[in-house]
PDB file of N, CA and C in Angstrom:
ATOM      1  N   MET A   1      70.418  83.750 146.636  1.00  0.00           N
ATOM      2  CA  MET A   1      70.004  84.185 145.330  1.00  0.00           C
ATOM      3  C   MET A   1      71.024  85.212 144.828  1.00  0.00           C
ATOM      4  N   ALA A   2      71.457  85.033 143.609  1.00  0.00           N
ATOM      5  CA  ALA A   2      72.458  85.931 143.032  1.00  0.00           C
ATOM      6  C   ALA A   2      71.774  86.991 142.172  1.00  0.00           C
ATOM      7  N   TYR A   3      72.202  88.204 142.367  1.00  0.00           N
ATOM      8  CA  TYR A   3      71.697  89.314 141.558  1.00  0.00           C
ATOM      9  C   TYR A   3      72.794  89.790 140.640  1.00  0.00           C
ATOM     10  N   ARG A   4      72.425  90.131 139.450  1.00  0.00           N
ATOM     11  CA  ARG A   4      73.401  90.617 138.489  1.00  0.00           C
ATOM     12  C   ARG A   4      73.190  92.105 138.289  1.00  0.00           C
ATOM     13  N   TYR A   5      74.244  92.848 138.503  1.00  0.00           N
ATOM     14  CA  TYR A   5      74.199  94.292 138.325  1.00  0.00           C
ATOM     15  C   TYR A   5      74.901  94.658 137.021  1.00  0.00           C
ATOM     16  N   GLY A   6      74.473  95.721 136.416  1.00  0.00           N
ATOM     17  CA  GLY A   6      75.123  96.199 135.203  1.00  0.00           C
ATOM     18  C   GLY A   6      74.534  95.588 133.953  1.00  0.00           C
ATOM     19  N   GLY A   7      75.213  95.860 132.856  1.00  0.00           N
ATOM     20  CA  GLY A   7      74.731  95.396 131.555  1.00  0.00           C
ATOM     21  C   GLY A   7      75.246  94.017 131.210  1.00  0.00           C
ATOM     22  N   ARG A   8      75.140  93.692 129.936  1.00  0.00           N
ATOM     23  CA  ARG A   8      75.532  92.374 129.459  1.00  0.00           C
ATOM     24  C   ARG A   8      76.951  92.359 128.932  1.00  0.00           C
ATOM     25  N   GLY A   9      77.713  93.392 129.150  1.00  0.00           N
ATOM     26  CA  GLY A   9      79.064  93.429 128.621  1.00  0.00           C
ATOM     27  C   GLY A   9      79.168  94.455 127.513  1.00  0.00           C
ATOM     28  N   ILE A  10      80.105  94.251 126.629  1.00  0.00           N
ATOM     29  CA  ILE A  10      80.399  95.249 125.603  1.00  0.00           C
ATOM     30  C   ILE A  10      79.349  95.245 124.487  1.00  0.00           C
ATOM     31  N   GLY A  11      78.849  94.114 124.108  1.00  0.00           N
ATOM     32  CA  GLY A  11      77.800  94.033 123.094  1.00  0.00           C
ATOM     33  C   GLY A  11      78.312  94.183 121.669  1.00  0.00           C
ATOM     34  N   LEU A  12      77.431  93.934 120.739  1.00  0.00           N
ATOM     35  CA  LEU A  12      77.772  93.967 119.318  1.00  0.00           C
ATOM     36  C   LEU A  12      78.129  95.375 118.855  1.00  0.00           C
ATOM     37  N   ILE A  13      77.398  96.364 119.298  1.00  0.00           N
ATOM     38  CA  ILE A  13      77.681  97.755 118.892  1.00  0.00           C
ATOM     39  C   ILE A  13      79.064  98.171 119.392  1.00  0.00           C
ATOM     40  N   GLY A  14      79.407  97.780 120.598  1.00  0.00           N
ATOM     41  CA  GLY A  14      80.727  98.103 121.146  1.00  0.00           C
ATOM     42  C   GLY A  14      81.848  97.453 120.361  1.00  0.00           C
ATOM     43  N   ILE A  15      81.655  96.200 119.955  1.00  0.00           N
ATOM     44  CA  ILE A  15      82.672  95.501 119.165  1.00  0.00           C
ATOM     45  C   ILE A  15      82.836  96.171 117.810  1.00  0.00           C
ATOM     46  N   ILE A  16      81.749  96.525 117.157  1.00  0.00           N
ATOM     47  CA  ILE A  16      81.816  97.214 115.866  1.00  0.00           C
ATOM     48  C   ILE A  16      82.526  98.558 116.016  1.00  0.00           C
ATOM     49  N   TYR A  17      82.223  99.276 117.088  1.00  0.00           N
ATOM     50  CA  TYR A  17      82.857 100.574 117.367  1.00  0.00           C
ATOM     51  C   TYR A  17      84.380 100.410 117.507  1.00  0.00           C
ATOM     52  N   ILE A  18      84.807  99.374 118.231  1.00  0.00           N
ATOM     53  CA  ILE A  18      86.236  99.132 118.419  1.00  0.00           C
ATOM     54  C   ILE A  18      86.897  98.730 117.109  1.00  0.00           C
ATOM     55  N   ILE A  19      86.255  97.880 116.308  1.00  0.00           N
ATOM     56  CA  ILE A  19      86.821  97.458 115.025  1.00  0.00           C
ATOM     57  C   ILE A  19      87.002  98.656 114.102  1.00  0.00           C
ATOM     58  N   ILE A  20      86.009  99.519 114.035  1.00  0.00           N
ATOM     59  CA  ILE A  20      86.125 100.722 113.203  1.00  0.00           C
ATOM     60  C   ILE A  20      87.243 101.611 113.727  1.00  0.00           C
ATOM     61  N   GLY A  21      87.363 101.752 115.051  1.00  0.00           N
ATOM     62  CA  GLY A  21      88.428 102.554 115.636  1.00  0.00           C
ATOM     63  C   GLY A  21      89.809 102.016 115.307  1.00  0.00           C
ATOM     64  N   VAL A  22      89.975 100.703 115.361  1.00  0.00           N
ATOM     65  CA  VAL A  22      91.259 100.088 115.012  1.00  0.00           C
ATOM     66  C   VAL A  22      91.568 100.329 113.542  1.00  0.00           C
ATOM     67  N   PHE A  23      90.578 100.188 112.674  1.00  0.00           N
ATOM     68  CA  PHE A  23      90.793 100.428 111.243  1.00  0.00           C
ATOM     69  C   PHE A  23      91.220 101.872 110.978  1.00  0.00           C
ATOM     70  N   VAL A  24      90.532 102.818 111.600  1.00  0.00           N
ATOM     71  CA  VAL A  24      90.864 104.236 111.403  1.00  0.00           C
ATOM     72  C   VAL A  24      92.266 104.536 111.934  1.00  0.00           C
ATOM     73  N   ALA A  25      92.600 103.985 113.118  1.00  0.00           N
ATOM     74  CA  ALA A  25      93.936 104.211 113.680  1.00  0.00           C
ATOM     75  C   ALA A  25      95.012 103.612 112.784  1.00  0.00           C
ATOM     76  N   TRP A  26      94.753 102.430 112.209  1.00  0.00           N
ATOM     77  CA  TRP A  26      95.714 101.795 111.291  1.00  0.00           C
ATOM     78  C   TRP A  26      95.865 102.658 110.031  1.00  0.00           C
ATOM     79  N   ASP A  27      94.759 103.118 109.504  1.00  0.00           N
ATOM     80  CA  ASP A  27      94.760 103.916 108.280  1.00  0.00           C
ATOM     81  C   ASP A  27      95.500 105.240 108.464  1.00  0.00           C
ATOM     82  N   ARG A  28      95.398 105.834 109.640  1.00  0.00           N
ATOM     83  CA  ARG A  28      96.021 107.138 109.914  1.00  0.00           C
ATOM     84  C   ARG A  28      97.444 107.012 110.447  1.00  0.00           C
ATOM     85  N   GLY A  29      97.955 105.796 110.593  1.00  0.00           N
ATOM     86  CA  GLY A  29      99.338 105.598 110.990  1.00  0.00           C
ATOM     87  C   GLY A  29      99.593 105.539 112.485  1.00  0.00           C
ATOM     88  N   TYR A  30      98.545 105.448 113.291  1.00  0.00           N
ATOM     89  CA  TYR A  30      98.732 105.331 114.729  1.00  0.00           C
ATOM     90  C   TYR A  30      99.112 103.907 115.133  1.00  0.00           C
ATOM     91  N   ILE A  31      98.688 102.929 114.357  1.00  0.00           N
ATOM     92  CA  ILE A  31      99.020 101.527 114.582  1.00  0.00           C
ATOM     93  C   ILE A  31      99.801 101.052 113.356  1.00  0.00           C
ATOM     94  N   TYR A  32     100.929 100.378 113.610  1.00  0.00           N
ATOM     95  CA  TYR A  32     101.751  99.880 112.516  1.00  0.00           C
ATOM     96  C   TYR A  32     102.327  98.528 112.916  1.00  0.00           C
ATOM     97  N   GLU A  33     102.967  97.847 111.966  1.00  0.00           N
ATOM     98  CA  GLU A  33     103.396  96.471 112.175  1.00  0.00           C
ATOM     99  C   GLU A  33     104.335  96.303 113.362  1.00  0.00           C
ATOM    100  N   ASP A  34     105.332  97.178 113.472  1.00  0.00           N
ATOM    101  CA  ASP A  34     106.292  97.049 114.561  1.00  0.00           C
ATOM    102  C   ASP A  34     105.608  97.205 115.919  1.00  0.00           C
ATOM    103  N   LEU A  35     104.649  98.107 115.986  1.00  0.00           N
ATOM    104  CA  LEU A  35     103.896  98.293 117.231  1.00  0.00           C
ATOM    105  C   LEU A  35     103.132  97.018 117.583  1.00  0.00           C
ATOM    106  N   LEU A  36     102.508  96.397 116.588  1.00  0.00           N
ATOM    107  CA  LEU A  36     101.762  95.162 116.839  1.00  0.00           C
ATOM    108  C   LEU A  36     102.682  94.043 117.310  1.00  0.00           C
ATOM    109  N   ARG A  37     103.895  93.953 116.721  1.00  0.00           N
ATOM    110  CA  ARG A  37     104.861  92.954 117.163  1.00  0.00           C
ATOM    111  C   ARG A  37     105.268  93.188 118.610  1.00  0.00           C
ATOM    112  N   ARG A  38     105.520  94.445 118.961  1.00  0.00           N
ATOM    113  CA  ARG A  38     105.946  94.752 120.324  1.00  0.00           C
ATOM    114  C   ARG A  38     104.833  94.481 121.329  1.00  0.00           C
ATOM    115  N   VAL A  39     103.613  94.866 120.988  1.00  0.00           N
ATOM    116  CA  VAL A  39     102.484  94.606 121.881  1.00  0.00           C
ATOM    117  C   VAL A  39     102.254  93.104 122.010  1.00  0.00           C
ATOM    118  N   GLY A  40     102.348  92.384 120.907  1.00  0.00           N
ATOM    119  CA  GLY A  40     102.191  90.932 120.938  1.00  0.00           C
ATOM    120  C   GLY A  40     103.245  90.269 121.803  1.00  0.00           C
ATOM    121  N   SER A  41     104.488  90.701 121.670  1.00  0.00           N
ATOM    122  CA  SER A  41     105.559  90.159 122.503  1.00  0.00           C
ATOM    123  C   SER A  41     105.315  90.478 123.975  1.00  0.00           C
ATOM    124  N   ALA A  42     104.876  91.690 124.256  1.00  0.00           N
ATOM    125  CA  ALA A  42     104.606  92.074 125.642  1.00  0.00           C
ATOM    126  C   ALA A  42     103.473  91.232 126.226  1.00  0.00           C
ATOM    127  N   LEU A  43     102.410  91.010 125.455  1.00  0.00           N
ATOM    128  CA  LEU A  43     101.291  90.197 125.944  1.00  0.00           C
ATOM    129  C   LEU A  43     101.723  88.753 126.188  1.00  0.00           C
ATOM    130  N   LEU A  44     102.541  88.218 125.287  1.00  0.00           N
ATOM    131  CA  LEU A  44     103.055  86.867 125.498  1.00  0.00           C
ATOM    132  C   LEU A  44     103.875  86.798 126.778  1.00  0.00           C
ATOM    133  N   ALA A  45     104.732  87.799 126.995  1.00  0.00           N
ATOM    134  CA  ALA A  45     105.566  87.825 128.196  1.00  0.00           C
ATOM    135  C   ALA A  45     104.714  87.950 129.455  1.00  0.00           C
ATOM    136  N   ILE A  46     103.620  88.695 129.382  1.00  0.00           N
ATOM    137  CA  ILE A  46     102.750  88.855 130.549  1.00  0.00           C
ATOM    138  C   ILE A  46     102.043  87.552 130.883  1.00  0.00           C
ATOM    139  N   PHE A  47     101.466  86.901 129.880  1.00  0.00           N
ATOM    140  CA  PHE A  47     100.689  85.698 130.135  1.00  0.00           C
ATOM    141  C   PHE A  47     101.549  84.442 130.291  1.00  0.00           C
ATOM    142  N   LEU A  48     102.752  84.468 129.721  1.00  0.00           N
ATOM    143  CA  LEU A  48     103.648  83.310 129.821  1.00  0.00           C
ATOM    144  C   LEU A  48     104.906  83.685 130.592  1.00  0.00           C
ATOM    145  N   TRP A  49     104.747  84.453 131.679  1.00  0.00           N
ATOM    146  CA  TRP A  49     105.879  84.973 132.444  1.00  0.00           C
ATOM    147  C   TRP A  49     106.795  83.881 132.964  1.00  0.00           C
ATOM    148  N   PHE A  50     106.246  82.722 133.244  1.00  0.00           N
ATOM    149  CA  PHE A  50     107.069  81.629 133.756  1.00  0.00           C
ATOM    150  C   PHE A  50     108.077  81.160 132.707  1.00  0.00           C
ATOM    151  N   LEU A  51     107.730  81.283 131.417  1.00  0.00           N
ATOM    152  CA  LEU A  51     108.685  80.938 130.363  1.00  0.00           C
ATOM    153  C   LEU A  51     109.791  81.980 130.272  1.00  0.00           C
ATOM    154  N   VAL A  52     109.458  83.222 130.537  1.00  0.00           N
ATOM    155  CA  VAL A  52     110.465  84.283 130.544  1.00  0.00           C
ATOM    156  C   VAL A  52     111.482  84.007 131.649  1.00  0.00           C
ATOM    157  N   LEU A  53     111.002  83.550 132.810  1.00  0.00           N
ATOM    158  CA  LEU A  53     111.910  83.217 133.902  1.00  0.00           C
ATOM    159  C   LEU A  53     112.820  82.047 133.543  1.00  0.00           C
ATOM    160  N   LEU A  54     112.361  81.189 132.639  1.00  0.00           N
ATOM    161  CA  LEU A  54     113.182  80.076 132.158  1.00  0.00           C
ATOM    162  C   LEU A  54     114.038  80.471 130.959  1.00  0.00           C
ATOM    163  N   GLU A  55     114.080  81.786 130.688  1.00  0.00           N
ATOM    164  CA  GLU A  55     114.891  82.397 129.624  1.00  0.00           C
ATOM    165  C   GLU A  55     114.460  81.981 128.219  1.00  0.00           C
ATOM    166  N   VAL A  56     113.163  81.763 128.029  1.00  0.00           N
ATOM    167  CA  VAL A  56     112.610  81.504 126.703  1.00  0.00           C
ATOM    168  C   VAL A  56     112.384  82.854 126.029  1.00  0.00           C
ATOM    169  N   ASP A  57     112.845  83.003 124.798  1.00  0.00           N
ATOM    170  CA  ASP A  57     112.684  84.251 124.064  1.00  0.00           C
ATOM    171  C   ASP A  57     111.294  84.293 123.445  1.00  0.00           C
ATOM    172  N   LEU A  58     110.476  85.251 123.876  1.00  0.00           N
ATOM    173  CA  LEU A  58     109.114  85.369 123.385  1.00  0.00           C
ATOM    174  C   LEU A  58     108.940  86.537 122.418  1.00  0.00           C
ATOM    175  N   HIS A  59     110.047  87.088 121.921  1.00  0.00           N
ATOM    176  CA  HIS A  59     109.935  88.207 120.978  1.00  0.00           C
ATOM    177  C   HIS A  59     109.401  87.702 119.638  1.00  0.00           C
ATOM    178  N   ILE A  60     108.487  88.458 119.071  1.00  0.00           N
ATOM    179  CA  ILE A  60     107.926  88.110 117.768  1.00  0.00           C
ATOM    180  C   ILE A  60     108.763  88.797 116.698  1.00  0.00           C
ATOM    181  N   ASN A  61     109.380  88.009 115.854  1.00  0.00           N
ATOM    182  CA  ASN A  61     110.197  88.550 114.752  1.00  0.00           C
ATOM    183  C   ASN A  61     109.614  88.095 113.432  1.00  0.00           C
ATOM    184  N   ALA A  62     109.574  89.002 112.484  1.00  0.00           N
ATOM    185  CA  ALA A  62     109.031  88.630 111.166  1.00  0.00           C
ATOM    186  C   ALA A  62     110.048  88.866 110.090  1.00  0.00           C
TER     187      ALA A  62
END
């Protein structure tokens, strides 16, 4: 028999809290386009690391 410990995850209130936080950070200049491009490129490189080893350029340019 499996027992589940803890809550149900982040929940709707948590998601709303994060969305508002992202909006406020964007509005106050903590998050900007170049930062999003760099984070996006880094995430692509992390999840598609095998393509990086094959010398595929995963940088996001706009």
